[in-house]
């Protein structure tokens, strides 16, 4: 009886140890994930007008054709569907803030996910309804 209780206690302690390890791993993963602040175009004007252009990069993730037709002044073009996205983003990782807009949510997701993969520590803002909002 005593040996059986000891075995149950030992199993419970092992399970607790694994449970705490899993909780620790999940907490670490969540703590390291980059939060993307999603805002509407109507709420962006103040941010765009008050941004420090030396510390903020605006990324237009639309096609080159759409970018050449119309874009926010000071924005750079990075097409999310091009292979050069990582190379282009690496040049701007020192920026304190990255503002992304696009008409295609998949493109925008690709652009907003990349800085996290590159260990970017600043703020990412995504204008969810693009410049047409």
C-alpha atoms as a PDB file:
ATOM      1  CA  UNK A   1       0.000   0.000   0.000  1.00  0.00           C
ATOM      2  CA  UNK A   2       2.788   2.425   0.930  1.00  0.00           C
ATOM      3  CA  UNK A   3       4.723   1.546  -2.238  1.00  0.00           C
ATOM      4  CA  UNK A   4       1.588   2.081  -4.362  1.00  0.00           C
ATOM      5  CA  UNK A   5       0.999   5.529  -2.816  1.00  0.00           C
ATOM      6  CA  UNK A   6       4.660   6.411  -3.363  1.00  0.00           C
ATOM      7  CA  UNK A   7       4.384   5.464  -7.055  1.00  0.00           C
ATOM      8  CA  UNK A   8       1.232   7.583  -7.439  1.00  0.00           C
ATOM      9  CA  UNK A   9       2.946  10.537  -5.758  1.00  0.00           C
ATOM     10  CA  UNK A  10       6.012  10.127  -7.976  1.00  0.00           C
ATOM     11  CA  UNK A  11       3.825  10.023 -11.120  1.00  0.00           C
ATOM     12  CA  UNK A  12       1.935  13.113  -9.963  1.00  0.00           C
ATOM     13  CA  UNK A  13       5.201  15.007  -9.418  1.00  0.00           C
ATOM     14  CA  UNK A  14       6.486  13.995 -12.854  1.00  0.00           C
ATOM     15  CA  UNK A  15       3.228  15.118 -14.471  1.00  0.00           C
ATOM     16  CA  UNK A  16       3.397  18.426 -12.581  1.00  0.00           C
ATOM     17  CA  UNK A  17       6.974  18.924 -13.775  1.00  0.00           C
ATOM     18  CA  UNK A  18       5.968  18.355 -17.424  1.00  0.00           C
ATOM     19  CA  UNK A  19       2.917  20.569 -17.052  1.00  0.00           C
ATOM     20  CA  UNK A  20       5.030  23.439 -15.694  1.00  0.00           C
ATOM     21  CA  UNK A  21       7.567  22.982 -18.506  1.00  0.00           C
ATOM     22  CA  UNK A  22       4.814  23.198 -21.119  1.00  0.00           C
ATOM     23  CA  UNK A  23       3.324  26.298 -19.468  1.00  0.00           C
ATOM     24  CA  UNK A  24       6.789  27.879 -19.395  1.00  0.00           C
ATOM     25  CA  UNK A  25       7.363  27.168 -23.077  1.00  0.00           C
ATOM     26  CA  UNK A  26       3.977  28.550 -24.086  1.00  0.00           C
ATOM     27  CA  UNK A  27       4.519  31.663 -21.984  1.00  0.00           C
ATOM     28  CA  UNK A  28       7.904  32.202 -23.616  1.00  0.00           C
ATOM     29  CA  UNK A  29       6.453  31.813 -27.087  1.00  0.00           C
ATOM     30  CA  UNK A  30       3.654  34.259 -26.366  1.00  0.00           C
ATOM     31  CA  UNK A  31       6.019  36.770 -24.797  1.00  0.00           C
ATOM     32  CA  UNK A  32       8.247  36.748 -27.887  1.00  0.00           C
ATOM     33  CA  UNK A  33       5.458  37.108 -30.428  1.00  0.00           C
ATOM     34  CA  UNK A  34       5.184  40.474 -32.134  1.00  0.00           C
ATOM     35  CA  UNK A  35       1.852  42.177 -31.679  1.00  0.00           C
ATOM     36  CA  UNK A  36       0.505  43.922 -34.733  1.00  0.00           C
ATOM     37  CA  UNK A  37      -1.658  46.922 -33.935  1.00  0.00           C
ATOM     38  CA  UNK A  38      -4.586  47.006 -36.382  1.00  0.00           C
ATOM     39  CA  UNK A  39      -6.199  50.346 -37.090  1.00  0.00           C
ATOM     40  CA  UNK A  40      -8.635  51.862 -39.586  1.00  0.00           C
ATOM     41  CA  UNK A  41      -7.558  54.358 -42.229  1.00  0.00           C
ATOM     42  CA  UNK A  42      -9.740  57.052 -40.663  1.00  0.00           C
ATOM     43  CA  UNK A  43      -7.684  56.735 -37.452  1.00  0.00           C
ATOM     44  CA  UNK A  44      -4.325  56.897 -39.222  1.00  0.00           C
ATOM     45  CA  UNK A  45      -4.131  60.474 -40.357  1.00  0.00           C
ATOM     46  CA  UNK A  46      -2.947  61.676 -36.956  1.00  0.00           C
ATOM     47  CA  UNK A  47      -0.333  58.896 -36.758  1.00  0.00           C
ATOM     48  CA  UNK A  48       0.914  59.576 -40.283  1.00  0.00           C
ATOM     49  CA  UNK A  49       1.088  63.338 -39.791  1.00  0.00           C
ATOM     50  CA  UNK A  50       2.816  63.084 -36.399  1.00  0.00           C
ATOM     51  CA  UNK A  51       5.242  60.284 -37.207  1.00  0.00           C
ATOM     52  CA  UNK A  52       8.973  60.855 -36.894  1.00  0.00           C
ATOM     53  CA  UNK A  53      10.066  60.081 -40.449  1.00  0.00           C
ATOM     54  CA  UNK A  54      13.574  59.269 -39.209  1.00  0.00           C
ATOM     55  CA  UNK A  55      12.212  56.492 -36.957  1.00  0.00           C
ATOM     56  CA  UNK A  56       9.131  55.316 -38.859  1.00  0.00           C
ATOM     57  CA  UNK A  57       8.913  53.416 -42.118  1.00  0.00           C
ATOM     58  CA  UNK A  58       5.678  53.202 -44.090  1.00  0.00           C
ATOM     59  CA  UNK A  59       5.353  50.156 -46.289  1.00  0.00           C
ATOM     60  CA  UNK A  60       2.961  49.939 -49.192  1.00  0.00           C
ATOM     61  CA  UNK A  61       2.522  46.210 -49.840  1.00  0.00           C
ATOM     62  CA  UNK A  62       0.506  46.557 -53.019  1.00  0.00           C
ATOM     63  CA  UNK A  63       1.685  45.804 -56.533  1.00  0.00           C
ATOM     64  CA  UNK A  64       4.197  48.116 -58.215  1.00  0.00           C
ATOM     65  CA  UNK A  65       1.474  49.333 -60.559  1.00  0.00           C
ATOM     66  CA  UNK A  66      -0.850  50.298 -57.713  1.00  0.00           C
ATOM     67  CA  UNK A  67       2.015  51.955 -55.848  1.00  0.00           C
ATOM     68  CA  UNK A  68       2.937  54.058 -58.877  1.00  0.00           C
ATOM     69  CA  UNK A  69      -0.696  55.146 -59.326  1.00  0.00           C
ATOM     70  CA  UNK A  70      -1.183  56.343 -55.744  1.00  0.00           C
ATOM     71  CA  UNK A  71       0.559  55.948 -52.393  1.00  0.00           C
ATOM     72  CA  UNK A  72       1.048  57.778 -49.119  1.00  0.00           C
ATOM     73  CA  UNK A  73       3.849  60.315 -49.347  1.00  0.00           C
ATOM     74  CA  UNK A  74       7.044  58.898 -47.891  1.00  0.00           C
ATOM     75  CA  UNK A  75       5.929  55.264 -48.182  1.00  0.00           C
ATOM     76  CA  UNK A  76       8.235  52.678 -49.693  1.00  0.00           C
ATOM     77  CA  UNK A  77       7.112  49.863 -51.930  1.00  0.00           C
ATOM     78  CA  UNK A  78       7.649  46.273 -50.813  1.00  0.00           C
ATOM     79  CA  UNK A  79       5.604  43.748 -52.743  1.00  0.00           C
ATOM     80  CA  UNK A  80       4.841  40.932 -50.334  1.00  0.00           C
ATOM     81  CA  UNK A  81       4.695  38.396 -53.155  1.00  0.00           C
ATOM     82  CA  UNK A  82       8.269  39.105 -54.279  1.00  0.00           C
ATOM     83  CA  UNK A  83      11.239  37.081 -53.057  1.00  0.00           C
ATOM     84  CA  UNK A  84      13.107  40.230 -52.031  1.00  0.00           C
ATOM     85  CA  UNK A  85      10.749  41.032 -49.145  1.00  0.00           C
ATOM     86  CA  UNK A  86      13.199  39.846 -46.454  1.00  0.00           C
ATOM     87  CA  UNK A  87      16.136  41.701 -47.997  1.00  0.00           C
ATOM     88  CA  UNK A  88      14.124  44.907 -48.285  1.00  0.00           C
ATOM     89  CA  UNK A  89      12.749  44.668 -44.732  1.00  0.00           C
ATOM     90  CA  UNK A  90      16.187  44.025 -43.213  1.00  0.00           C
ATOM     91  CA  UNK A  91      17.209  47.532 -44.306  1.00  0.00           C
ATOM     92  CA  UNK A  92      14.514  49.024 -42.059  1.00  0.00           C
ATOM     93  CA  UNK A  93      14.744  46.975 -38.855  1.00  0.00           C
ATOM     94  CA  UNK A  94      16.302  49.915 -37.010  1.00  0.00           C
ATOM     95  CA  UNK A  95      13.037  51.846 -37.404  1.00  0.00           C
ATOM     96  CA  UNK A  96      11.053  52.218 -34.184  1.00  0.00           C
ATOM     97  CA  UNK A  97       7.764  51.870 -36.026  1.00  0.00           C
ATOM     98  CA  UNK A  98       6.624  50.076 -39.171  1.00  0.00           C
ATOM     99  CA  UNK A  99       3.294  51.090 -40.693  1.00  0.00           C
ATOM    100  CA  UNK A 100       1.887  48.714 -43.327  1.00  0.00           C
ATOM    101  CA  UNK A 101      -0.968  49.207 -45.709  1.00  0.00           C
ATOM    102  CA  UNK A 102      -2.222  47.076 -48.552  1.00  0.00           C
ATOM    103  CA  UNK A 103      -5.476  46.246 -50.330  1.00  0.00           C
ATOM    104  CA  UNK A 104      -4.868  42.504 -50.041  1.00  0.00           C
ATOM    105  CA  UNK A 105      -4.927  41.029 -46.532  1.00  0.00           C
ATOM    106  CA  UNK A 106      -2.708  38.094 -47.494  1.00  0.00           C
ATOM    107  CA  UNK A 107      -0.004  40.480 -48.726  1.00  0.00           C
ATOM    108  CA  UNK A 108      -0.296  42.507 -45.546  1.00  0.00           C
ATOM    109  CA  UNK A 109      -0.068  39.409 -43.372  1.00  0.00           C
ATOM    110  CA  UNK A 110       3.131  38.378 -45.147  1.00  0.00           C
ATOM    111  CA  UNK A 111       4.653  41.793 -44.561  1.00  0.00           C
ATOM    112  CA  UNK A 112       3.596  42.043 -40.910  1.00  0.00           C
ATOM    113  CA  UNK A 113       4.861  38.498 -40.158  1.00  0.00           C
ATOM    114  CA  UNK A 114       8.350  39.066 -41.600  1.00  0.00           C
ATOM    115  CA  UNK A 115       9.632  41.584 -39.027  1.00  0.00           C
ATOM    116  CA  UNK A 116       8.876  39.091 -36.247  1.00  0.00           C
ATOM    117  CA  UNK A 117      10.861  36.408 -38.068  1.00  0.00           C
ATOM    118  CA  UNK A 118      13.711  38.918 -38.341  1.00  0.00           C
ATOM    119  CA  UNK A 119      13.551  39.641 -34.563  1.00  0.00           C
ATOM    120  CA  UNK A 120      12.187  43.171 -35.019  1.00  0.00           C
ATOM    121  CA  UNK A 121      11.497  44.802 -31.645  1.00  0.00           C
ATOM    122  CA  UNK A 122       9.601  47.949 -32.633  1.00  0.00           C
ATOM    123  CA  UNK A 123       5.923  48.636 -33.165  1.00  0.00           C
ATOM    124  CA  UNK A 124       4.046  47.309 -36.191  1.00  0.00           C
ATOM    125  CA  UNK A 125       0.868  49.067 -37.273  1.00  0.00           C
ATOM    126  CA  UNK A 126      -1.379  47.638 -39.962  1.00  0.00           C
ATOM    127  CA  UNK A 127      -3.968  49.866 -41.645  1.00  0.00           C
ATOM    128  CA  UNK A 128      -6.611  47.194 -42.175  1.00  0.00           C
ATOM    129  CA  UNK A 129      -8.713  49.039 -44.733  1.00  0.00           C
ATOM    130  CA  UNK A 130      -5.754  50.395 -46.718  1.00  0.00           C
ATOM    131  CA  UNK A 131      -5.545  53.902 -48.073  1.00  0.00           C
ATOM    132  CA  UNK A 132      -8.960  53.476 -49.649  1.00  0.00           C
ATOM    133  CA  UNK A 133     -10.711  53.161 -46.274  1.00  0.00           C
END
